[in-house]
Amino acid sequence: MYRALTGTCSIFALATLATFASGAEPDPGPPTPDSTYRPLPTAPFAEVKAMDEADKPQIMQRQEALL
């Protein structure tokens, strides 16, 4: 009985291993710049910071109105 159970478990383990091993795909590596989640910024940092600082009073006023 023990020998039959061991053989059955071994066959099941090998079948499971073969199933998962055949479906494994290699790691594609880091994403290319064209396939990132969002577009990368193209404006210089100083320009973006200046735009953010210019927009801040309007944004703060809008947020205060929400509160």
Protein backbone atom coordinates (compact mmCIF):
# COMPACT_ATOMS: atom_id res chain seq x y z
CA MET A 1 0.00 0.00 0.00
CA TYR A 2 2.78 2.46 0.95
CA ARG A 3 4.68 1.70 -2.27
CA ALA A 4 1.60 2.28 -4.44
CA LEU A 5 0.89 5.57 -2.67
CA THR A 6 4.49 6.72 -3.11
CA GLY A 7 4.39 5.86 -6.81
CA THR A 8 1.12 7.72 -7.28
CA CYS A 9 2.48 10.79 -5.51
CA SER A 10 5.64 10.68 -7.62
CA ILE A 11 3.66 10.51 -10.86
CA PHE A 12 1.44 13.39 -9.73
CA ALA A 13 4.48 15.48 -8.78
CA LEU A 14 6.19 14.85 -12.12
CA ALA A 15 3.01 15.69 -14.05
CA THR A 16 2.60 18.93 -12.10
CA LEU A 17 6.24 19.87 -12.65
CA ALA A 18 6.00 19.17 -16.38
CA THR A 19 2.86 21.27 -16.66
CA PHE A 20 4.37 24.32 -14.98
CA ALA A 21 7.79 23.97 -16.60
CA SER A 22 6.33 23.90 -20.11
CA GLY A 23 4.39 27.13 -19.52
CA ALA A 24 7.32 29.10 -18.13
CA GLU A 25 8.41 32.11 -20.17
CA PRO A 26 11.75 33.88 -19.88
CA ASP A 27 11.92 37.24 -18.14
CA PRO A 28 11.42 39.95 -20.79
CA GLY A 29 13.68 42.38 -18.92
CA PRO A 30 13.02 46.05 -18.22
CA PRO A 31 10.38 47.76 -20.34
CA THR A 32 11.52 49.81 -23.28
CA PRO A 33 10.88 53.57 -23.10
CA ASP A 34 7.96 53.20 -25.53
CA SER A 35 6.12 50.75 -23.27
CA THR A 36 6.22 52.45 -19.88
CA TYR A 37 3.04 52.98 -17.88
CA ARG A 38 2.90 56.71 -18.55
CA PRO A 39 4.68 59.03 -20.96
CA LEU A 40 8.03 60.26 -19.75
CA PRO A 41 8.43 64.01 -19.16
CA THR A 42 10.12 65.89 -21.97
CA ALA A 43 10.16 69.43 -20.55
CA PRO A 44 13.14 70.61 -18.48
CA PHE A 45 12.68 70.42 -14.71
CA ALA A 46 13.03 74.18 -14.20
CA GLU A 47 10.25 74.84 -16.73
CA VAL A 48 7.89 72.33 -15.12
CA LYS A 49 8.62 73.73 -11.66
CA ALA A 50 7.88 77.28 -12.84
CA MET A 51 4.54 76.16 -14.33
CA ASP A 52 3.62 74.34 -11.11
CA GLU A 53 4.46 77.37 -8.98
CA ALA A 54 2.40 79.62 -11.28
CA ASP A 55 -0.59 77.25 -11.04
CA LYS A 56 -0.38 76.78 -7.27
CA PRO A 57 -2.61 79.71 -6.17
CA GLN A 58 -5.45 78.59 -8.45
CA ILE A 59 -5.13 75.00 -7.31
CA MET A 60 -5.05 75.96 -3.63
CA GLN A 61 -8.16 78.13 -4.10
CA ARG A 62 -9.96 75.25 -5.79
CA GLN A 63 -8.99 72.84 -3.01
CA GLU A 64 -10.09 75.26 -0.27
CA ALA A 65 -13.47 75.57 -1.98
CA LEU A 66 -13.83 71.79 -1.81
CA LEU A 67 -13.13 71.77 1.91
